C-alpha cells in the first residue's frame, strides 16, 4: 500500500479509476474526476500495489473532525479476489485512526456491500443512485488510536 504524495502517482490512481469506473462500469469521465484529484486538495490518495504494478486505489478525506469519508475504492478486474481490498481497507482504518478518525463512512455500490460487510461495515441508508449505479451509505466505527496525530 502506498500513500500518494507525488502528482505523477495521482495519475496512476486516476488511470485505475478510469479502467474500472469509466470503461468497465460506464461512469462518465466528467463525473469520475473532480477537484479532489487536484494536487493540494484535502484528499489523501492511496495505491494498492502488487510489486511495482498498480492494482487498485481509493481516496479519503476528513468530512468532520472525527469522520473520514472514503471514495473511489476500486481494484482492477484481474486482481479482484486476491485480498487486496481487505488489506487496503484495513490500511485505511489504521491510517485514519492514527490521525484521529473515529468513524469511516462511504457510499458503496450495492454489488460490493457483501465485501464491505466482511470488513465490519454496516449499511446505514436506503439505496440511492450515484453516477447511475445503486449505492448505499455504509459506515464503520474505529478505535481511535491517537487523536493528537491528525495531519
N, C-alpha and C. Protein backbone atom coordinates (compact mmCIF):
# COMPACT_ATOMS: atom_id res chain seq x y z
N UNK A 1 0.85 -1.18 0.00
CA UNK A 1 0.00 0.00 0.00
C UNK A 1 0.90 1.23 0.00
N UNK A 2 0.50 2.23 -0.76
CA UNK A 2 1.31 3.44 -0.85
C UNK A 2 0.40 4.65 -0.73
N UNK A 3 0.80 5.57 0.15
CA UNK A 3 0.13 6.86 0.23
C UNK A 3 0.70 7.69 -0.91
N UNK A 4 -0.17 8.27 -1.71
CA UNK A 4 0.26 9.02 -2.88
C UNK A 4 0.62 10.44 -2.47
N UNK A 5 1.86 10.80 -2.74
CA UNK A 5 2.32 12.15 -2.40
C UNK A 5 2.79 12.92 -3.62
N UNK A 6 3.12 12.21 -4.69
CA UNK A 6 3.62 12.88 -5.89
C UNK A 6 2.53 12.94 -6.95
N UNK A 7 2.52 14.02 -7.70
CA UNK A 7 1.50 14.23 -8.72
C UNK A 7 1.49 13.12 -9.77
N UNK A 8 2.67 12.57 -10.09
CA UNK A 8 2.71 11.51 -11.11
C UNK A 8 1.99 10.25 -10.63
N UNK A 9 2.02 9.94 -9.36
CA UNK A 9 1.32 8.76 -8.84
C UNK A 9 -0.18 9.02 -8.76
N UNK A 10 -0.59 10.27 -8.64
CA UNK A 10 -2.01 10.61 -8.68
C UNK A 10 -2.58 10.20 -10.04
N UNK A 11 -1.78 10.35 -11.08
CA UNK A 11 -2.18 9.90 -12.41
C UNK A 11 -2.42 8.39 -12.46
N UNK A 12 -1.63 7.63 -11.70
CA UNK A 12 -1.84 6.19 -11.62
C UNK A 12 -3.20 5.88 -10.99
N UNK A 13 -3.56 6.62 -9.95
CA UNK A 13 -4.86 6.44 -9.30
C UNK A 13 -5.99 6.70 -10.28
N UNK A 14 -5.90 7.80 -11.00
CA UNK A 14 -6.96 8.16 -11.95
C UNK A 14 -7.03 7.14 -13.08
N UNK A 15 -5.90 6.62 -13.52
CA UNK A 15 -5.89 5.61 -14.59
C UNK A 15 -6.61 4.33 -14.16
N UNK A 16 -6.42 3.91 -12.92
CA UNK A 16 -7.11 2.72 -12.41
C UNK A 16 -8.61 3.00 -12.33
N UNK A 17 -8.97 4.15 -11.82
CA UNK A 17 -10.39 4.51 -11.73
C UNK A 17 -11.04 4.60 -13.10
N UNK A 18 -10.30 5.10 -14.07
CA UNK A 18 -10.83 5.17 -15.43
C UNK A 18 -11.09 3.75 -15.97
N UNK A 19 -10.14 2.84 -15.73
CA UNK A 19 -10.32 1.46 -16.20
C UNK A 19 -11.54 0.80 -15.55
N UNK A 20 -11.71 1.01 -14.24
CA UNK A 20 -12.80 0.34 -13.52
C UNK A 20 -14.12 1.06 -13.69
N UNK A 21 -14.15 2.34 -13.31
CA UNK A 21 -15.43 3.03 -13.28
C UNK A 21 -15.90 3.50 -14.65
N UNK A 22 -15.00 4.05 -15.46
CA UNK A 22 -15.39 4.60 -16.76
C UNK A 22 -15.54 3.49 -17.80
N UNK A 23 -14.48 2.73 -18.03
CA UNK A 23 -14.53 1.71 -19.09
C UNK A 23 -15.36 0.49 -18.72
N UNK A 24 -15.18 -0.01 -17.52
CA UNK A 24 -15.88 -1.23 -17.12
C UNK A 24 -17.34 -0.97 -16.73
N UNK A 25 -17.59 0.13 -15.99
CA UNK A 25 -18.92 0.37 -15.44
C UNK A 25 -19.71 1.47 -16.14
N UNK A 26 -19.08 2.18 -17.05
CA UNK A 26 -19.80 3.18 -17.84
C UNK A 26 -20.05 4.52 -17.17
N UNK A 27 -19.30 4.84 -16.12
CA UNK A 27 -19.43 6.15 -15.47
C UNK A 27 -18.76 7.20 -16.37
N UNK A 28 -19.42 8.31 -16.65
CA UNK A 28 -18.79 9.35 -17.47
C UNK A 28 -17.53 9.91 -16.78
N UNK A 29 -16.49 10.12 -17.57
CA UNK A 29 -15.22 10.63 -17.03
C UNK A 29 -15.41 11.94 -16.28
N UNK A 30 -16.33 12.79 -16.76
CA UNK A 30 -16.52 14.09 -16.10
C UNK A 30 -17.12 13.94 -14.71
N UNK A 31 -17.72 12.80 -14.40
CA UNK A 31 -18.20 12.53 -13.04
C UNK A 31 -17.13 11.85 -12.19
N UNK A 32 -16.20 11.20 -12.85
CA UNK A 32 -15.19 10.44 -12.13
C UNK A 32 -14.07 11.32 -11.57
N UNK A 33 -13.62 12.27 -12.33
CA UNK A 33 -12.51 13.13 -11.91
C UNK A 33 -13.08 14.45 -11.41
N UNK A 34 -12.61 14.90 -10.26
CA UNK A 34 -13.12 16.14 -9.68
C UNK A 34 -12.02 16.91 -8.97
N UNK A 35 -12.41 17.94 -8.24
CA UNK A 35 -11.44 18.81 -7.57
C UNK A 35 -10.61 18.07 -6.53
N UNK A 36 -11.10 16.95 -6.03
CA UNK A 36 -10.34 16.17 -5.04
C UNK A 36 -9.14 15.48 -5.68
N UNK A 37 -9.07 15.48 -6.99
CA UNK A 37 -7.94 14.89 -7.70
C UNK A 37 -6.84 15.91 -8.00
N UNK A 38 -7.04 17.12 -7.55
CA UNK A 38 -6.04 18.17 -7.77
C UNK A 38 -4.98 18.11 -6.70
N UNK A 39 -3.72 18.32 -7.08
CA UNK A 39 -2.67 18.39 -6.07
C UNK A 39 -3.01 19.49 -5.07
N UNK A 40 -2.80 19.21 -3.81
CA UNK A 40 -3.09 20.20 -2.77
C UNK A 40 -4.50 20.13 -2.22
N UNK A 41 -5.34 19.21 -2.73
CA UNK A 41 -6.69 19.08 -2.17
C UNK A 41 -6.58 18.45 -0.78
N UNK A 42 -7.67 18.45 -0.05
CA UNK A 42 -7.68 17.88 1.30
C UNK A 42 -7.78 16.36 1.29
N UNK A 43 -7.80 15.78 0.11
CA UNK A 43 -7.99 14.35 -0.05
C UNK A 43 -6.64 13.63 -0.07
N UNK A 44 -6.57 12.48 0.61
CA UNK A 44 -5.38 11.63 0.56
C UNK A 44 -5.69 10.47 -0.37
N UNK A 45 -4.81 10.22 -1.31
CA UNK A 45 -4.98 9.14 -2.29
C UNK A 45 -4.05 7.99 -1.94
N UNK A 46 -4.51 6.77 -2.24
CA UNK A 46 -3.75 5.57 -1.92
C UNK A 46 -3.70 4.66 -3.14
N UNK A 47 -2.57 3.97 -3.29
CA UNK A 47 -2.41 2.98 -4.37
C UNK A 47 -2.22 1.60 -3.75
N UNK A 48 -2.89 0.61 -4.30
CA UNK A 48 -2.65 -0.77 -3.94
C UNK A 48 -1.64 -1.29 -4.96
N UNK A 49 -0.59 -1.93 -4.48
CA UNK A 49 0.48 -2.39 -5.36
C UNK A 49 0.69 -3.89 -5.26
N UNK A 50 1.01 -4.49 -6.39
CA UNK A 50 1.48 -5.87 -6.46
C UNK A 50 2.89 -5.77 -7.02
N UNK A 51 3.87 -5.75 -6.13
CA UNK A 51 5.23 -5.43 -6.55
C UNK A 51 5.24 -3.98 -7.00
N UNK A 52 5.58 -3.73 -8.25
CA UNK A 52 5.56 -2.38 -8.80
C UNK A 52 4.28 -2.08 -9.58
N UNK A 53 3.44 -3.09 -9.77
CA UNK A 53 2.21 -2.94 -10.55
C UNK A 53 1.11 -2.32 -9.71
N UNK A 54 0.53 -1.25 -10.21
CA UNK A 54 -0.61 -0.59 -9.56
C UNK A 54 -1.86 -1.41 -9.86
N UNK A 55 -2.55 -1.89 -8.79
CA UNK A 55 -3.69 -2.78 -9.00
C UNK A 55 -5.00 -2.22 -8.45
N UNK A 56 -4.94 -1.19 -7.63
CA UNK A 56 -6.15 -0.61 -7.08
C UNK A 56 -5.87 0.73 -6.45
N UNK A 57 -6.95 1.40 -6.06
CA UNK A 57 -6.81 2.72 -5.48
C UNK A 57 -8.04 3.07 -4.65
N UNK A 58 -7.91 4.05 -3.80
CA UNK A 58 -9.03 4.68 -3.11
C UNK A 58 -8.53 6.02 -2.59
N UNK A 59 -9.44 6.83 -2.10
CA UNK A 59 -9.07 8.11 -1.53
C UNK A 59 -9.96 8.39 -0.33
N UNK A 60 -9.50 9.28 0.52
CA UNK A 60 -10.27 9.62 1.70
C UNK A 60 -9.94 11.00 2.19
N UNK A 61 -10.88 11.59 2.91
CA UNK A 61 -10.68 12.92 3.49
C UNK A 61 -11.52 13.04 4.75
N UNK A 62 -11.11 13.94 5.64
CA UNK A 62 -11.87 14.21 6.85
C UNK A 62 -13.09 15.04 6.48
N UNK A 63 -14.26 14.43 6.67
CA UNK A 63 -15.54 15.07 6.41
C UNK A 63 -15.92 15.96 7.60
N UNK A 64 -15.61 15.48 8.80
CA UNK A 64 -15.73 16.25 10.03
C UNK A 64 -14.46 15.98 10.82
N UNK A 65 -14.39 16.54 11.99
CA UNK A 65 -13.16 16.39 12.79
C UNK A 65 -12.81 14.93 13.07
N UNK A 66 -13.83 14.07 13.20
CA UNK A 66 -13.53 12.68 13.53
C UNK A 66 -14.11 11.65 12.55
N UNK A 67 -14.63 12.12 11.41
CA UNK A 67 -15.21 11.20 10.43
C UNK A 67 -14.50 11.33 9.09
N UNK A 68 -14.02 10.20 8.61
CA UNK A 68 -13.36 10.14 7.30
C UNK A 68 -14.34 9.59 6.28
N UNK A 69 -14.33 10.20 5.11
CA UNK A 69 -15.16 9.73 4.00
C UNK A 69 -14.25 9.10 2.95
N UNK A 70 -14.46 7.82 2.68
CA UNK A 70 -13.70 7.13 1.64
C UNK A 70 -14.46 7.21 0.32
N UNK A 71 -13.71 7.25 -0.77
CA UNK A 71 -14.28 7.31 -2.10
C UNK A 71 -13.41 6.56 -3.09
N UNK A 72 -14.01 6.24 -4.22
CA UNK A 72 -13.31 5.72 -5.41
C UNK A 72 -12.51 4.45 -5.11
N UNK A 73 -13.02 3.61 -4.22
CA UNK A 73 -12.36 2.36 -3.86
C UNK A 73 -12.56 1.38 -5.01
N UNK A 74 -11.47 0.98 -5.66
CA UNK A 74 -11.59 0.04 -6.78
C UNK A 74 -10.31 -0.74 -7.00
N UNK A 75 -10.48 -1.91 -7.61
CA UNK A 75 -9.37 -2.80 -7.92
C UNK A 75 -9.55 -3.25 -9.37
N UNK A 76 -8.46 -3.29 -10.11
CA UNK A 76 -8.53 -3.77 -11.49
C UNK A 76 -9.11 -5.18 -11.52
N UNK A 77 -9.93 -5.45 -12.50
CA UNK A 77 -10.70 -6.70 -12.58
C UNK A 77 -9.83 -7.94 -12.38
N UNK A 78 -8.69 -7.99 -13.04
CA UNK A 78 -7.84 -9.18 -12.99
C UNK A 78 -7.17 -9.40 -11.63
N UNK A 79 -7.27 -8.42 -10.70
CA UNK A 79 -6.66 -8.55 -9.38
C UNK A 79 -7.69 -8.71 -8.26
N UNK A 80 -8.97 -8.73 -8.59
CA UNK A 80 -10.01 -8.90 -7.58
C UNK A 80 -9.99 -10.32 -7.02
N UNK A 81 -10.40 -10.44 -5.77
CA UNK A 81 -10.47 -11.75 -5.13
C UNK A 81 -9.14 -12.26 -4.61
N UNK A 82 -8.14 -11.41 -4.56
CA UNK A 82 -6.80 -11.80 -4.10
C UNK A 82 -6.44 -11.20 -2.73
N UNK A 83 -7.38 -10.52 -2.10
CA UNK A 83 -7.12 -9.97 -0.77
C UNK A 83 -6.67 -8.53 -0.75
N UNK A 84 -6.50 -7.90 -1.91
CA UNK A 84 -6.04 -6.51 -1.94
C UNK A 84 -7.05 -5.57 -1.29
N UNK A 85 -8.33 -5.80 -1.54
CA UNK A 85 -9.36 -4.92 -0.99
C UNK A 85 -9.39 -4.95 0.53
N UNK A 86 -9.36 -6.13 1.10
CA UNK A 86 -9.38 -6.25 2.56
C UNK A 86 -8.13 -5.61 3.16
N UNK A 87 -6.99 -5.88 2.57
CA UNK A 87 -5.73 -5.28 3.04
C UNK A 87 -5.80 -3.76 2.96
N UNK A 88 -6.34 -3.25 1.87
CA UNK A 88 -6.44 -1.80 1.69
C UNK A 88 -7.40 -1.18 2.71
N UNK A 89 -8.53 -1.85 2.96
CA UNK A 89 -9.48 -1.31 3.91
C UNK A 89 -8.88 -1.28 5.32
N UNK A 90 -8.18 -2.34 5.69
CA UNK A 90 -7.51 -2.37 6.99
C UNK A 90 -6.45 -1.27 7.08
N UNK A 91 -5.73 -1.04 6.00
CA UNK A 91 -4.74 0.04 5.97
C UNK A 91 -5.42 1.38 6.20
N UNK A 92 -6.54 1.60 5.51
CA UNK A 92 -7.27 2.87 5.66
C UNK A 92 -7.72 3.06 7.10
N UNK A 93 -8.23 2.00 7.72
CA UNK A 93 -8.65 2.08 9.12
C UNK A 93 -7.49 2.52 10.02
N UNK A 94 -6.36 1.88 9.88
CA UNK A 94 -5.20 2.20 10.72
C UNK A 94 -4.67 3.60 10.42
N UNK A 95 -4.57 3.93 9.14
CA UNK A 95 -4.03 5.23 8.73
C UNK A 95 -4.87 6.37 9.30
N UNK A 96 -6.19 6.30 9.10
CA UNK A 96 -7.05 7.40 9.54
C UNK A 96 -7.31 7.36 11.04
N UNK A 97 -7.34 6.20 11.65
CA UNK A 97 -7.48 6.11 13.09
C UNK A 97 -6.30 6.78 13.79
N UNK A 98 -5.10 6.57 13.26
CA UNK A 98 -3.91 7.19 13.83
C UNK A 98 -3.93 8.71 13.70
N UNK A 99 -4.81 9.22 12.85
CA UNK A 99 -4.94 10.67 12.66
C UNK A 99 -6.21 11.22 13.30
N UNK A 100 -6.82 10.40 14.16
CA UNK A 100 -7.93 10.87 14.96
C UNK A 100 -9.32 10.49 14.50
N UNK A 101 -9.45 9.71 13.44
CA UNK A 101 -10.78 9.33 12.96
C UNK A 101 -11.43 8.33 13.91
N UNK A 102 -12.70 8.55 14.19
CA UNK A 102 -13.48 7.63 14.99
C UNK A 102 -14.48 6.85 14.15
N UNK A 103 -14.63 7.27 12.89
CA UNK A 103 -15.60 6.61 12.02
C UNK A 103 -15.19 6.80 10.56
N UNK A 104 -15.45 5.76 9.78
CA UNK A 104 -15.30 5.82 8.32
C UNK A 104 -16.70 5.72 7.74
N UNK A 105 -16.97 6.53 6.74
CA UNK A 105 -18.24 6.47 6.02
C UNK A 105 -17.95 6.52 4.52
N UNK A 106 -18.86 5.96 3.74
CA UNK A 106 -18.67 5.94 2.29
C UNK A 106 -19.94 5.45 1.61
N UNK A 107 -20.06 5.76 0.33
CA UNK A 107 -21.13 5.22 -0.50
C UNK A 107 -20.60 3.99 -1.20
N UNK A 108 -21.25 2.85 -0.97
CA UNK A 108 -20.80 1.60 -1.57
C UNK A 108 -21.76 1.17 -2.66
N UNK A 109 -21.20 0.73 -3.77
CA UNK A 109 -22.05 0.13 -4.80
C UNK A 109 -22.72 -1.09 -4.17
N UNK A 110 -24.00 -1.27 -4.46
CA UNK A 110 -24.75 -2.39 -3.87
C UNK A 110 -24.09 -3.74 -4.16
N UNK A 111 -23.45 -3.86 -5.30
CA UNK A 111 -22.79 -5.12 -5.66
C UNK A 111 -21.59 -5.43 -4.76
N UNK A 112 -21.08 -4.43 -4.03
CA UNK A 112 -19.91 -4.62 -3.17
C UNK A 112 -20.25 -4.63 -1.68
N UNK A 113 -21.52 -4.55 -1.34
CA UNK A 113 -21.89 -4.47 0.07
C UNK A 113 -21.41 -5.68 0.86
N UNK A 114 -21.51 -6.87 0.30
CA UNK A 114 -21.02 -8.07 0.99
C UNK A 114 -19.56 -7.96 1.36
N UNK A 115 -18.74 -7.43 0.45
CA UNK A 115 -17.33 -7.23 0.74
C UNK A 115 -17.15 -6.29 1.94
N UNK A 116 -17.82 -5.15 1.91
CA UNK A 116 -17.66 -4.18 2.99
C UNK A 116 -18.21 -4.71 4.31
N UNK A 117 -19.27 -5.50 4.27
CA UNK A 117 -19.76 -6.12 5.50
C UNK A 117 -18.71 -7.07 6.07
N UNK A 118 -17.98 -7.77 5.19
CA UNK A 118 -16.91 -8.67 5.66
C UNK A 118 -15.76 -7.90 6.32
N UNK A 119 -15.71 -6.59 6.06
CA UNK A 119 -14.70 -5.73 6.68
C UNK A 119 -15.24 -5.08 7.97
N UNK A 120 -16.45 -5.44 8.36
CA UNK A 120 -17.04 -4.92 9.59
C UNK A 120 -17.88 -3.67 9.41
N UNK A 121 -18.20 -3.31 8.19
CA UNK A 121 -19.02 -2.12 7.93
C UNK A 121 -20.50 -2.50 7.94
N UNK A 122 -21.34 -1.48 8.12
CA UNK A 122 -22.78 -1.73 8.06
C UNK A 122 -23.45 -0.65 7.22
N UNK A 123 -24.48 -1.08 6.50
CA UNK A 123 -25.26 -0.15 5.68
C UNK A 123 -26.14 0.69 6.60
N UNK A 124 -26.20 2.01 6.33
CA UNK A 124 -26.97 2.92 7.17
C UNK A 124 -27.94 3.77 6.36
N UNK A 125 -28.17 3.40 5.11
CA UNK A 125 -29.10 4.16 4.28
C UNK A 125 -29.87 3.22 3.37
N UNK A 126 -30.90 3.77 2.77
CA UNK A 126 -31.60 3.08 1.71
C UNK A 126 -30.75 3.18 0.44
N UNK A 127 -31.16 2.50 -0.59
CA UNK A 127 -30.46 2.53 -1.88
C UNK A 127 -30.66 3.89 -2.53
N UNK A 128 -29.59 4.44 -3.11
CA UNK A 128 -29.64 5.68 -3.88
C UNK A 128 -28.75 5.51 -5.10
N UNK A 129 -28.96 6.34 -6.10
CA UNK A 129 -28.13 6.28 -7.31
C UNK A 129 -26.99 7.28 -7.22
N UNK A 130 -25.82 6.83 -7.59
CA UNK A 130 -24.64 7.69 -7.71
C UNK A 130 -24.00 7.33 -9.04
N UNK A 131 -23.88 8.30 -9.92
CA UNK A 131 -23.36 8.07 -11.28
C UNK A 131 -24.17 6.98 -11.99
N UNK A 132 -25.46 6.89 -11.67
CA UNK A 132 -26.34 5.93 -12.31
C UNK A 132 -26.28 4.52 -11.74
N UNK A 133 -25.47 4.30 -10.71
CA UNK A 133 -25.32 2.97 -10.12
C UNK A 133 -25.91 2.95 -8.71
N UNK A 134 -26.60 1.85 -8.33
CA UNK A 134 -27.19 1.78 -6.99
C UNK A 134 -26.12 1.66 -5.91
N UNK A 135 -26.28 2.49 -4.89
CA UNK A 135 -25.35 2.57 -3.75
C UNK A 135 -26.13 2.57 -2.44
N UNK A 136 -25.43 2.31 -1.37
CA UNK A 136 -25.93 2.54 -0.01
C UNK A 136 -24.80 3.18 0.78
N UNK A 137 -25.16 4.05 1.71
CA UNK A 137 -24.16 4.62 2.60
C UNK A 137 -23.80 3.57 3.64
N UNK A 138 -22.51 3.42 3.87
CA UNK A 138 -22.01 2.46 4.85
C UNK A 138 -21.09 3.18 5.81
N UNK A 139 -20.92 2.58 6.99
CA UNK A 139 -20.00 3.16 7.95
C UNK A 139 -19.40 2.08 8.83
N UNK A 140 -18.30 2.49 9.45
CA UNK A 140 -17.63 1.63 10.43
C UNK A 140 -17.03 2.52 11.50
N UNK A 141 -17.33 2.19 12.73
CA UNK A 141 -16.72 2.92 13.85
C UNK A 141 -15.32 2.37 14.06
N UNK A 142 -14.39 3.27 14.40
CA UNK A 142 -12.99 2.91 14.59
C UNK A 142 -12.59 3.13 16.04
N UNK A 143 -11.61 2.36 16.46
CA UNK A 143 -10.98 2.62 17.75
C UNK A 143 -9.93 3.69 17.49
N UNK A 144 -10.15 4.86 18.01
CA UNK A 144 -9.24 5.97 17.77
C UNK A 144 -7.93 5.73 18.49
N UNK A 145 -6.83 5.62 17.74
CA UNK A 145 -5.55 5.28 18.30
C UNK A 145 -4.82 6.47 18.91
N UNK A 146 -4.86 7.61 18.24
CA UNK A 146 -4.08 8.75 18.71
C UNK A 146 -4.68 10.03 18.16
N UNK A 147 -5.69 10.59 18.84
CA UNK A 147 -6.38 11.76 18.30
C UNK A 147 -5.49 12.98 18.13
N UNK A 148 -4.34 13.01 18.76
CA UNK A 148 -3.47 14.17 18.64
C UNK A 148 -2.55 14.09 17.45
N UNK A 149 -2.66 13.05 16.62
CA UNK A 149 -1.77 12.90 15.47
C UNK A 149 -2.40 13.32 14.15
N UNK A 150 -3.49 14.06 14.17
CA UNK A 150 -4.13 14.47 12.91
C UNK A 150 -3.14 15.27 12.08
N UNK A 151 -3.08 14.90 10.82
CA UNK A 151 -2.15 15.60 9.91
C UNK A 151 -2.83 15.83 8.61
